[in-house]
Amino acid sequence: NVKKTIYLVCKLKAHQINILIVDDEPLFRSGLIALMKKYGIKTLATAENGDEAINLLETKRPDLVLLDLEMPILNGSKTLNSIRNRFPNVKVIIVSSYHDEELIKDHFNRGARAFVSKKEGDRTLAEAIRCVHKMGIYKKNLPDLFKSPAIKDRHYYKLIFTKKEQEIITLLCGGKTVKTIAETLDTSEKTTEGHLTEIYKKV
């Protein structure tokens, strides 16, 4: 019985998947840690932006990174580029509120191994994690996306702002300073400036 128990424990550890969660929403990060734990997926660390994630990857060695797209300081797209260049063995799954067809295809082309909407259930995410870890890629939740090339209007550029960015834009248009905006949204001036940088880049 002892030998059998030791064998099962070793087998479980051998199949344990270690992840790094990168998202600027603290509640989402906490919830994701608890949800993934149910599936035997361990969170080695979390980061609230891409810059923190890259620094953590210097010391941590996760099997996969769950990466949000809209973050201050260093967004998901640039973070994905850095990970593919500096840590090519680390697999990246995009977990985002956005589900735009061109956006998804673009990030697969950048090297993402799966794209899971935050509106999907935890089972889908856990399945994507296990599939990417074992097979290298997961597209089961995107059955029709890659059947035919999307029609793209070259004269149309879609601006997508996060809820936080929309709040900042509203306050900014009302003549509020960075300090006042930070106090209103109960965040730091540095984080607010990071959001502003992303807004300016988009426009």
C-alpha atoms as a PDB file:
ATOM      1  CA  ASN A   1       0.000   0.000   0.000  1.00  0.00           C
ATOM      2  CA  VAL A   2       2.834   2.375   0.861  1.00  0.00           C
ATOM      3  CA  LYS A   3       4.574   1.646  -2.447  1.00  0.00           C
ATOM      4  CA  LYS A   4       1.307   2.159  -4.310  1.00  0.00           C
ATOM      5  CA  THR A   5       0.704   5.510  -2.560  1.00  0.00           C
ATOM      6  CA  ILE A   6       4.240   6.720  -3.345  1.00  0.00           C
ATOM      7  CA  TYR A   7       3.786   5.653  -6.967  1.00  0.00           C
ATOM      8  CA  LEU A   8       0.491   7.551  -7.288  1.00  0.00           C
ATOM      9  CA  VAL A   9       1.948  10.696  -5.686  1.00  0.00           C
ATOM     10  CA  CYS A  10       4.972  10.621  -8.003  1.00  0.00           C
ATOM     11  CA  LYS A  11       2.710  10.047 -10.998  1.00  0.00           C
ATOM     12  CA  LEU A  12       0.508  12.998  -9.997  1.00  0.00           C
ATOM     13  CA  LYS A  13       3.534  15.285  -9.620  1.00  0.00           C
ATOM     14  CA  ALA A  14       4.919  14.139 -12.956  1.00  0.00           C
ATOM     15  CA  HIS A  15       1.682  15.197 -14.671  1.00  0.00           C
ATOM     16  CA  GLN A  16       1.204  18.425 -12.724  1.00  0.00           C
ATOM     17  CA  ILE A  17       1.097  21.478 -14.961  1.00  0.00           C
ATOM     18  CA  ASN A  18       2.634  24.713 -13.688  1.00  0.00           C
ATOM     19  CA  ILE A  19       1.318  28.049 -14.942  1.00  0.00           C
ATOM     20  CA  LEU A  20       2.003  31.773 -14.691  1.00  0.00           C
ATOM     21  CA  ILE A  21      -1.093  34.020 -14.683  1.00  0.00           C
ATOM     22  CA  VAL A  22      -0.679  37.485 -16.204  1.00  0.00           C
ATOM     23  CA  ASP A  23      -3.693  39.787 -15.738  1.00  0.00           C
ATOM     24  CA  ASP A  24      -4.173  43.278 -14.304  1.00  0.00           C
ATOM     25  CA  GLU A  25      -7.365  42.363 -12.403  1.00  0.00           C
ATOM     26  CA  PRO A  26      -6.539  41.059  -8.866  1.00  0.00           C
ATOM     27  CA  LEU A  27      -9.925  39.358  -8.387  1.00  0.00           C
ATOM     28  CA  PHE A  28      -9.628  37.554 -11.712  1.00  0.00           C
ATOM     29  CA  ARG A  29      -6.136  36.314 -10.819  1.00  0.00           C
ATOM     30  CA  SER A  30      -7.312  35.042  -7.414  1.00  0.00           C
ATOM     31  CA  GLY A  31     -10.357  33.342  -8.882  1.00  0.00           C
ATOM     32  CA  LEU A  32      -8.316  31.688 -11.613  1.00  0.00           C
ATOM     33  CA  ILE A  33      -5.827  30.271  -9.104  1.00  0.00           C
ATOM     34  CA  ALA A  34      -8.670  28.607  -7.165  1.00  0.00           C
ATOM     35  CA  LEU A  35     -10.418  27.320 -10.285  1.00  0.00           C
ATOM     36  CA  MET A  36      -7.291  25.803 -11.825  1.00  0.00           C
ATOM     37  CA  LYS A  37      -6.346  24.163  -8.539  1.00  0.00           C
ATOM     38  CA  LYS A  38      -9.495  22.016  -8.899  1.00  0.00           C
ATOM     39  CA  TYR A  39      -8.006  20.539 -12.056  1.00  0.00           C
ATOM     40  CA  GLY A  40      -4.593  19.857 -10.531  1.00  0.00           C
ATOM     41  CA  ILE A  41      -3.036  22.861 -12.288  1.00  0.00           C
ATOM     42  CA  LYS A  42      -0.610  24.774 -10.080  1.00  0.00           C
ATOM     43  CA  THR A  43      -0.038  28.530 -10.281  1.00  0.00           C
ATOM     44  CA  LEU A  44       3.664  29.234  -9.738  1.00  0.00           C
ATOM     45  CA  ALA A  45       3.209  33.009  -9.724  1.00  0.00           C
ATOM     46  CA  THR A  46       1.045  35.872 -10.963  1.00  0.00           C
ATOM     47  CA  ALA A  47       1.830  39.213 -12.618  1.00  0.00           C
ATOM     48  CA  GLU A  48      -0.323  42.280 -13.252  1.00  0.00           C
ATOM     49  CA  ASN A  49       1.440  43.341 -16.457  1.00  0.00           C
ATOM     50  CA  GLY A  50       3.807  42.058 -19.109  1.00  0.00           C
ATOM     51  CA  ASP A  51       6.872  43.680 -17.601  1.00  0.00           C
ATOM     52  CA  GLU A  52       6.390  41.775 -14.341  1.00  0.00           C
ATOM     53  CA  ALA A  53       5.763  38.575 -16.281  1.00  0.00           C
ATOM     54  CA  ILE A  54       9.041  38.804 -18.206  1.00  0.00           C
ATOM     55  CA  ASN A  55      10.950  39.397 -14.953  1.00  0.00           C
ATOM     56  CA  LEU A  56       9.269  36.379 -13.329  1.00  0.00           C
ATOM     57  CA  LEU A  57      10.126  34.166 -16.290  1.00  0.00           C
ATOM     58  CA  GLU A  58      13.801  34.858 -15.620  1.00  0.00           C
ATOM     59  CA  THR A  59      13.508  32.844 -12.386  1.00  0.00           C
ATOM     60  CA  LYS A  60      10.301  30.822 -12.697  1.00  0.00           C
ATOM     61  CA  ARG A  61       9.918  28.061 -15.243  1.00  0.00           C
ATOM     62  CA  PRO A  62       6.195  27.539 -15.851  1.00  0.00           C
ATOM     63  CA  ASP A  63       4.938  25.143 -18.480  1.00  0.00           C
ATOM     64  CA  LEU A  64       2.426  27.691 -19.705  1.00  0.00           C
ATOM     65  CA  VAL A  65       1.561  31.370 -19.402  1.00  0.00           C
ATOM     66  CA  LEU A  66      -2.073  32.513 -19.257  1.00  0.00           C
ATOM     67  CA  LEU A  67      -1.893  35.980 -20.766  1.00  0.00           C
ATOM     68  CA  ASP A  68      -4.424  38.812 -20.811  1.00  0.00           C
ATOM     69  CA  LEU A  69      -4.203  41.304 -23.690  1.00  0.00           C
ATOM     70  CA  GLU A  70      -5.245  44.632 -22.183  1.00  0.00           C
ATOM     71  CA  MET A  71      -2.772  45.586 -19.439  1.00  0.00           C
ATOM     72  CA  PRO A  72      -0.855  48.724 -18.465  1.00  0.00           C
ATOM     73  CA  ILE A  73       2.918  49.205 -18.927  1.00  0.00           C
ATOM     74  CA  LEU A  74       3.395  46.237 -21.312  1.00  0.00           C
ATOM     75  CA  ASN A  75       0.304  44.819 -23.001  1.00  0.00           C
ATOM     76  CA  GLY A  76      -0.365  41.207 -23.935  1.00  0.00           C
ATOM     77  CA  SER A  77       0.630  41.453 -27.595  1.00  0.00           C
ATOM     78  CA  LYS A  78       4.081  42.886 -26.817  1.00  0.00           C
ATOM     79  CA  THR A  79       4.503  40.463 -23.928  1.00  0.00           C
ATOM     80  CA  LEU A  80       3.749  37.549 -26.248  1.00  0.00           C
ATOM     81  CA  ASN A  81       6.411  38.789 -28.677  1.00  0.00           C
ATOM     82  CA  SER A  82       8.979  39.020 -25.863  1.00  0.00           C
ATOM     83  CA  ILE A  83       8.149  35.550 -24.544  1.00  0.00           C
ATOM     84  CA  ARG A  84       8.445  33.966 -27.985  1.00  0.00           C
ATOM     85  CA  ASN A  85      11.839  35.662 -28.531  1.00  0.00           C
ATOM     86  CA  ARG A  86      13.346  35.134 -25.072  1.00  0.00           C
ATOM     87  CA  PHE A  87      11.585  32.005 -23.782  1.00  0.00           C
ATOM     88  CA  PRO A  88      10.635  29.975 -26.880  1.00  0.00           C
ATOM     89  CA  ASN A  89       9.892  26.821 -24.882  1.00  0.00           C
ATOM     90  CA  VAL A  90       7.204  28.512 -22.790  1.00  0.00           C
ATOM     91  CA  LYS A  91       3.731  28.023 -24.280  1.00  0.00           C
ATOM     92  CA  VAL A  92       1.276  30.935 -24.157  1.00  0.00           C
ATOM     93  CA  ILE A  93      -2.517  30.820 -23.930  1.00  0.00           C
ATOM     94  CA  ILE A  94      -4.369  34.101 -24.475  1.00  0.00           C
ATOM     95  CA  VAL A  95      -7.228  34.607 -21.990  1.00  0.00           C
ATOM     96  CA  SER A  96      -9.091  37.751 -23.005  1.00  0.00           C
ATOM     97  CA  SER A  97     -12.453  39.520 -22.897  1.00  0.00           C
ATOM     98  CA  TYR A  98     -12.157  40.166 -26.629  1.00  0.00           C
ATOM     99  CA  HIS A  99     -13.083  37.565 -29.206  1.00  0.00           C
ATOM    100  CA  ASP A 100     -12.489  39.365 -32.482  1.00  0.00           C
ATOM    101  CA  GLU A 101     -11.614  37.032 -35.367  1.00  0.00           C
ATOM    102  CA  GLU A 102      -8.709  39.082 -36.701  1.00  0.00           C
ATOM    103  CA  LEU A 103      -7.362  39.561 -33.175  1.00  0.00           C
ATOM    104  CA  ILE A 104      -7.358  35.817 -32.537  1.00  0.00           C
ATOM    105  CA  LYS A 105      -5.693  34.989 -35.861  1.00  0.00           C
ATOM    106  CA  ASP A 106      -3.063  37.674 -35.307  1.00  0.00           C
ATOM    107  CA  HIS A 107      -2.059  36.221 -31.941  1.00  0.00           C
ATOM    108  CA  PHE A 108      -1.922  32.679 -33.268  1.00  0.00           C
ATOM    109  CA  ASN A 109       0.445  34.027 -35.919  1.00  0.00           C
ATOM    110  CA  ARG A 110       2.511  35.647 -33.162  1.00  0.00           C
ATOM    111  CA  GLY A 111       2.917  32.258 -31.472  1.00  0.00           C
ATOM    112  CA  ALA A 112      -0.035  31.843 -29.099  1.00  0.00           C
ATOM    113  CA  ARG A 113      -1.072  28.194 -28.670  1.00  0.00           C
ATOM    114  CA  ALA A 114      -4.727  28.811 -27.683  1.00  0.00           C
ATOM    115  CA  PHE A 115      -7.209  31.650 -27.322  1.00  0.00           C
ATOM    116  CA  VAL A 116      -9.863  31.383 -24.592  1.00  0.00           C
ATOM    117  CA  SER A 117     -12.513  34.032 -23.974  1.00  0.00           C
ATOM    118  CA  LYS A 118     -13.128  35.059 -20.360  1.00  0.00           C
ATOM    119  CA  LYS A 119     -16.803  34.363 -21.070  1.00  0.00           C
ATOM    120  CA  GLU A 120     -16.055  30.644 -21.484  1.00  0.00           C
ATOM    121  CA  GLY A 121     -16.167  28.239 -18.551  1.00  0.00           C
ATOM    122  CA  ASP A 122     -13.273  27.042 -16.438  1.00  0.00           C
ATOM    123  CA  ARG A 123     -13.561  23.554 -17.984  1.00  0.00           C
ATOM    124  CA  THR A 124     -12.744  24.956 -21.414  1.00  0.00           C
ATOM    125  CA  LEU A 125      -9.693  26.748 -20.036  1.00  0.00           C
ATOM    126  CA  ALA A 126      -8.517  23.660 -18.152  1.00  0.00           C
ATOM    127  CA  GLU A 127      -9.000  21.576 -21.309  1.00  0.00           C
ATOM    128  CA  ALA A 128      -7.036  24.128 -23.327  1.00  0.00           C
ATOM    129  CA  ILE A 129      -4.202  24.079 -20.784  1.00  0.00           C
ATOM    130  CA  ARG A 130      -3.968  20.289 -20.779  1.00  0.00           C
ATOM    131  CA  CYS A 131      -4.231  20.076 -24.576  1.00  0.00           C
ATOM    132  CA  VAL A 132      -1.552  22.724 -25.166  1.00  0.00           C
ATOM    133  CA  HIS A 133       0.714  21.087 -22.591  1.00  0.00           C
ATOM    134  CA  LYS A 134       0.345  17.677 -24.256  1.00  0.00           C
ATOM    135  CA  MET A 135      -0.265  18.453 -27.937  1.00  0.00           C
ATOM    136  CA  GLY A 136       1.149  21.968 -28.346  1.00  0.00           C
ATOM    137  CA  ILE A 137      -1.982  23.756 -29.599  1.00  0.00           C
ATOM    138  CA  TYR A 138      -5.734  24.027 -28.915  1.00  0.00           C
ATOM    139  CA  LYS A 139      -8.379  25.250 -31.393  1.00  0.00           C
ATOM    140  CA  LYS A 140     -11.355  23.107 -30.388  1.00  0.00           C
ATOM    141  CA  ASN A 141     -13.252  26.163 -29.090  1.00  0.00           C
ATOM    142  CA  LEU A 142     -12.706  28.001 -32.405  1.00  0.00           C
ATOM    143  CA  PRO A 143     -14.142  25.483 -34.913  1.00  0.00           C
ATOM    144  CA  ASP A 144     -15.079  27.850 -37.752  1.00  0.00           C
ATOM    145  CA  LEU A 145     -12.363  30.461 -37.351  1.00  0.00           C
ATOM    146  CA  PHE A 146      -9.670  28.875 -39.516  1.00  0.00           C
ATOM    147  CA  LYS A 147     -11.784  27.357 -42.289  1.00  0.00           C
ATOM    148  CA  SER A 148     -11.546  30.338 -44.625  1.00  0.00           C
ATOM    149  CA  PRO A 149      -9.616  33.609 -44.680  1.00  0.00           C
ATOM    150  CA  ALA A 150     -11.500  36.517 -43.119  1.00  0.00           C
ATOM    151  CA  ILE A 151     -12.544  39.436 -45.291  1.00  0.00           C
ATOM    152  CA  LYS A 152     -10.679  42.470 -44.049  1.00  0.00           C
ATOM    153  CA  ASP A 153     -11.427  46.081 -44.918  1.00  0.00           C
ATOM    154  CA  ARG A 154      -8.032  47.762 -45.282  1.00  0.00           C
ATOM    155  CA  HIS A 155      -9.592  51.197 -44.754  1.00  0.00           C
ATOM    156  CA  TYR A 156     -11.129  50.249 -41.418  1.00  0.00           C
ATOM    157  CA  TYR A 157      -9.261  50.261 -38.116  1.00  0.00           C
ATOM    158  CA  LYS A 158     -11.148  49.168 -35.026  1.00  0.00           C
ATOM    159  CA  LEU A 159     -10.289  50.934 -31.789  1.00  0.00           C
ATOM    160  CA  ILE A 160     -10.930  48.745 -28.756  1.00  0.00           C
ATOM    161  CA  PHE A 161     -10.792  50.341 -25.317  1.00  0.00           C
ATOM    162  CA  THR A 162     -11.041  48.426 -22.047  1.00  0.00           C
ATOM    163  CA  LYS A 163     -13.632  49.432 -19.453  1.00  0.00           C
ATOM    164  CA  LYS A 164     -10.864  51.046 -17.387  1.00  0.00           C
ATOM    165  CA  GLU A 165      -9.581  52.989 -20.398  1.00  0.00           C
ATOM    166  CA  GLN A 166     -13.099  54.207 -21.165  1.00  0.00           C
ATOM    167  CA  GLU A 167     -13.427  55.490 -17.583  1.00  0.00           C
ATOM    168  CA  ILE A 168     -10.084  57.284 -17.854  1.00  0.00           C
ATOM    169  CA  ILE A 169     -11.001  58.834 -21.225  1.00  0.00           C
ATOM    170  CA  THR A 170     -14.276  60.144 -19.746  1.00  0.00           C
ATOM    171  CA  LEU A 171     -12.461  61.712 -16.792  1.00  0.00           C
ATOM    172  CA  LEU A 172      -9.697  63.043 -19.045  1.00  0.00           C
ATOM    173  CA  CYS A 173     -12.237  64.719 -21.320  1.00  0.00           C
ATOM    174  CA  GLY A 174     -13.741  66.279 -18.206  1.00  0.00           C
ATOM    175  CA  GLY A 175     -10.450  68.057 -17.545  1.00  0.00           C
ATOM    176  CA  LYS A 176      -9.286  65.818 -14.688  1.00  0.00           C
ATOM    177  CA  THR A 177      -5.580  65.499 -13.900  1.00  0.00           C
ATOM    178  CA  VAL A 178      -3.743  62.173 -13.648  1.00  0.00           C
ATOM    179  CA  LYS A 179      -3.675  62.497  -9.863  1.00  0.00           C
ATOM    180  CA  THR A 180      -7.423  63.146  -9.671  1.00  0.00           C
ATOM    181  CA  ILE A 181      -8.168  60.279 -12.062  1.00  0.00           C
ATOM    182  CA  ALA A 182      -6.049  57.911  -9.956  1.00  0.00           C
ATOM    183  CA  GLU A 183      -7.867  58.979  -6.779  1.00  0.00           C
ATOM    184  CA  THR A 184     -11.274  58.661  -8.450  1.00  0.00           C
ATOM    185  CA  LEU A 185     -10.545  55.153  -9.730  1.00  0.00           C
ATOM    186  CA  ASP A 186      -8.764  54.162  -6.498  1.00  0.00           C
ATOM    187  CA  THR A 187      -5.506  53.241  -8.226  1.00  0.00           C
ATOM    188  CA  SER A 188      -1.929  54.540  -8.335  1.00  0.00           C
ATOM    189  CA  GLU A 189      -0.743  57.387 -10.557  1.00  0.00           C
ATOM    190  CA  LYS A 190       1.802  55.019 -12.147  1.00  0.00           C
ATOM    191  CA  THR A 191      -0.930  52.564 -13.169  1.00  0.00           C
ATOM    192  CA  THR A 192      -3.066  55.418 -14.494  1.00  0.00           C
ATOM    193  CA  GLU A 193      -0.152  56.727 -16.548  1.00  0.00           C
ATOM    194  CA  GLY A 194       0.326  53.201 -17.934  1.00  0.00           C
ATOM    195  CA  HIS A 195      -3.305  53.127 -19.060  1.00  0.00           C
ATOM    196  CA  LEU A 196      -2.899  56.601 -20.601  1.00  0.00           C
ATOM    197  CA  THR A 197       0.146  55.426 -22.547  1.00  0.00           C
ATOM    198  CA  GLU A 198      -1.898  52.583 -24.027  1.00  0.00           C
ATOM    199  CA  ILE A 199      -4.743  55.005 -24.890  1.00  0.00           C
ATOM    200  CA  TYR A 200      -2.350  57.370 -26.679  1.00  0.00           C
ATOM    201  CA  LYS A 201      -0.828  54.463 -28.629  1.00  0.00           C
ATOM    202  CA  LYS A 202      -4.263  53.383 -29.831  1.00  0.00           C
ATOM    203  CA  VAL A 203      -5.329  56.813 -31.018  1.00  0.00           C
END
